[in-house]
C-alpha atoms as a PDB file:
ATOM      1  CA  MET A   1     -23.298  -2.425 -19.462  1.00  0.00           C
ATOM      2  CA  SER A   2     -21.386   0.951 -19.885  1.00  0.00           C
ATOM      3  CA  VAL A   3     -19.799   2.782 -16.947  1.00  0.00           C
ATOM      4  CA  ASN A   4     -20.127   6.482 -17.858  1.00  0.00           C
ATOM      5  CA  LEU A   5     -17.151   8.419 -16.770  1.00  0.00           C
ATOM      6  CA  GLN A   6     -18.935  11.621 -15.786  1.00  0.00           C
ATOM      7  CA  GLU A   7     -20.578   9.169 -12.679  1.00  0.00           C
ATOM      8  CA  THR A   8     -17.388   7.857 -11.193  1.00  0.00           C
ATOM      9  CA  THR A   9     -15.264   8.938  -8.134  1.00  0.00           C
ATOM     10  CA  THR A  10     -12.863  11.355  -8.955  1.00  0.00           C
ATOM     11  CA  SER A  11     -10.875  10.957  -5.899  1.00  0.00           C
ATOM     12  CA  HIS A  12      -7.517   8.582  -6.262  1.00  0.00           C
ATOM     13  CA  VAL A  13      -8.440   5.881  -4.193  1.00  0.00           C
ATOM     14  CA  GLN A  14      -5.277   3.132  -3.737  1.00  0.00           C
ATOM     15  CA  ASN A  15      -6.758  -0.595  -4.516  1.00  0.00           C
ATOM     16  CA  THR A  16      -6.369  -2.017  -1.952  1.00  0.00           C
ATOM     17  CA  THR A  17      -6.561  -5.531  -2.716  1.00  0.00           C
ATOM     18  CA  ALA A  18      -4.203  -6.775  -1.210  1.00  0.00           C
ATOM     19  CA  LEU A  19      -0.785  -9.271  -2.724  1.00  0.00           C
ATOM     20  CA  SER A  20       1.297 -11.551  -1.017  1.00  0.00           C
ATOM     21  CA  LYS A  21       4.202  -9.899  -2.199  1.00  0.00           C
ATOM     22  CA  PRO A  22       4.583  -6.182  -3.721  1.00  0.00           C
ATOM     23  CA  ALA A  23       3.758  -6.780  -7.797  1.00  0.00           C
ATOM     24  CA  HIS A  24       7.174  -6.385  -8.968  1.00  0.00           C
ATOM     25  CA  ALA A  25       8.533  -9.162  -7.287  1.00  0.00           C
ATOM     26  CA  LEU A  26       5.465 -11.626  -8.241  1.00  0.00           C
ATOM     27  CA  PRO A  27       5.628 -14.144 -11.577  1.00  0.00           C
ATOM     28  CA  TYR A  28       3.072 -12.350 -13.489  1.00  0.00           C
ATOM     29  CA  SER A  29       0.911 -15.213 -13.401  1.00  0.00           C
ATOM     30  CA  ASP A  30       0.626 -15.040  -9.710  1.00  0.00           C
ATOM     31  CA  VAL A  31      -0.538 -11.625 -10.060  1.00  0.00           C
ATOM     32  CA  ALA A  32      -3.255 -12.309 -12.375  1.00  0.00           C
ATOM     33  CA  ARG A  33      -4.067 -15.291 -10.289  1.00  0.00           C
ATOM     34  CA  GLU A  34      -4.684 -12.314  -6.750  1.00  0.00           C
ATOM     35  CA  LEU A  35      -5.899 -10.479  -8.510  1.00  0.00           C
ATOM     36  CA  ASP A  36      -9.004 -12.433 -10.135  1.00  0.00           C
ATOM     37  CA  GLY A  37      -7.110 -11.645 -14.018  1.00  0.00           C
ATOM     38  CA  HIS A  38      -6.440 -13.542 -15.887  1.00  0.00           C
ATOM     39  CA  VAL A  39      -2.926 -13.798 -18.294  1.00  0.00           C
ATOM     40  CA  TYR A  40      -4.090 -14.082 -21.581  1.00  0.00           C
ATOM     41  CA  ASP A  41      -7.073 -12.371 -21.932  1.00  0.00           C
ATOM     42  CA  GLY A  42      -6.821  -9.767 -19.144  1.00  0.00           C
ATOM     43  CA  LEU A  43      -9.872  -8.709 -16.555  1.00  0.00           C
ATOM     44  CA  SER A  44     -13.608  -9.670 -17.915  1.00  0.00           C
ATOM     45  CA  ARG A  45     -15.996  -6.157 -18.570  1.00  0.00           C
ATOM     46  CA  GLU A  46     -17.810  -6.956 -15.660  1.00  0.00           C
ATOM     47  CA  GLN A  47     -14.871  -7.302 -13.338  1.00  0.00           C
ATOM     48  CA  ALA A  48     -13.599  -4.216 -15.157  1.00  0.00           C
ATOM     49  CA  GLU A  49     -16.594  -2.479 -14.694  1.00  0.00           C
ATOM     50  CA  GLN A  50     -17.120  -3.010 -11.263  1.00  0.00           C
ATOM     51  CA  ARG A  51     -13.130  -2.031 -10.704  1.00  0.00           C
ATOM     52  CA  LEU A  52     -14.248   1.136 -12.735  1.00  0.00           C
ATOM     53  CA  ARG A  53     -17.069   2.329 -10.578  1.00  0.00           C
ATOM     54  CA  ALA A  54     -15.108   0.835  -7.106  1.00  0.00           C
ATOM     55  CA  TYR A  55     -11.876   2.587  -7.705  1.00  0.00           C
ATOM     56  CA  GLY A  56     -12.788   5.362 -10.555  1.00  0.00           C
ATOM     57  CA  PRO A  57     -10.837   5.801 -14.086  1.00  0.00           C
ATOM     58  CA  ASN A  58      -6.686   5.710 -14.065  1.00  0.00           C
ATOM     59  CA  LEU A  59      -5.640   9.088 -14.379  1.00  0.00           C
ATOM     60  CA  LEU A  60      -3.113  10.858 -13.764  1.00  0.00           C
ATOM     61  CA  PRO A  61      -3.697  14.241 -11.889  1.00  0.00           C
ATOM     62  CA  GLU A  62      -3.133  17.271 -14.129  1.00  0.00           C
ATOM     63  CA  GLN A  63      -0.156  19.049 -13.842  1.00  0.00           C
ATOM     64  CA  LYS A  64       1.237  22.457 -15.783  1.00  0.00           C
ATOM     65  CA  PRO A  65       4.431  21.774 -17.928  1.00  0.00           C
ATOM     66  CA  THR A  66       7.189  22.898 -16.266  1.00  0.00           C
ATOM     67  CA  SER A  67       8.744  26.089 -17.338  1.00  0.00           C
ATOM     68  CA  TRP A  68      11.880  25.940 -19.719  1.00  0.00           C
ATOM     69  CA  THR A  69      13.123  28.646 -17.203  1.00  0.00           C
ATOM     70  CA  THR A  70      13.058  25.791 -14.368  1.00  0.00           C
ATOM     71  CA  ILE A  71      14.271  23.335 -15.801  1.00  0.00           C
ATOM     72  CA  MET A  72      17.616  26.123 -16.646  1.00  0.00           C
ATOM     73  CA  VAL A  73      17.495  27.621 -12.807  1.00  0.00           C
ATOM     74  CA  LYS A  74      17.538  24.015 -11.463  1.00  0.00           C
ATOM     75  CA  GLN A  75      20.102  22.173 -13.173  1.00  0.00           C
ATOM     76  CA  ALA A  76      22.661  25.274 -13.079  1.00  0.00           C
ATOM     77  CA  ALA A  77      21.542  25.042  -8.821  1.00  0.00           C
ATOM     78  CA  ASN A  78      22.295  21.150  -9.313  1.00  0.00           C
ATOM     79  CA  THR A  79      25.549  19.924  -6.477  1.00  0.00           C
ATOM     80  CA  MET A  80      26.939  18.374  -9.346  1.00  0.00           C
ATOM     81  CA  THR A  81      26.616  21.013 -11.603  1.00  0.00           C
ATOM     82  CA  ILE A  82      28.134  23.129  -8.744  1.00  0.00           C
ATOM     83  CA  VAL A  83      31.116  21.135  -8.423  1.00  0.00           C
ATOM     84  CA  SER A  84      32.079  20.329 -11.742  1.00  0.00           C
ATOM     85  CA  HIS A  85      31.999  24.353 -12.363  1.00  0.00           C
ATOM     86  CA  ALA A  86      33.967  24.627  -9.117  1.00  0.00           C
ATOM     87  CA  PHE A  87      36.604  22.230 -10.625  1.00  0.00           C
ATOM     88  CA  ALA A  88      36.748  23.754 -14.232  1.00  0.00           C
ATOM     89  CA  ILE A  89      37.417  27.004 -13.013  1.00  0.00           C
ATOM     90  CA  LEU A  90      39.861  26.229 -10.254  1.00  0.00           C
ATOM     91  CA  PHE A  91      42.125  23.761 -12.704  1.00  0.00           C
END
């Protein structure tokens, strides 16, 4: 059975499966067990398809790239940069 990505939800739904602690604070074996996965094999095909239908594809929203001028303005407006330039001028 394959899941058509066009038929899955496009909203960004957070997985509501609660872990006993945040995932980064648990050993990997506990995370796998609590999420009904397997440490070496991951999810079964059926589990993956069910979660894809329930939560949608694991995609980040599209963002337009940051222009180099925006990067330069943000760098110049950075407080530490301003302080560094002020000290360079004064001393």
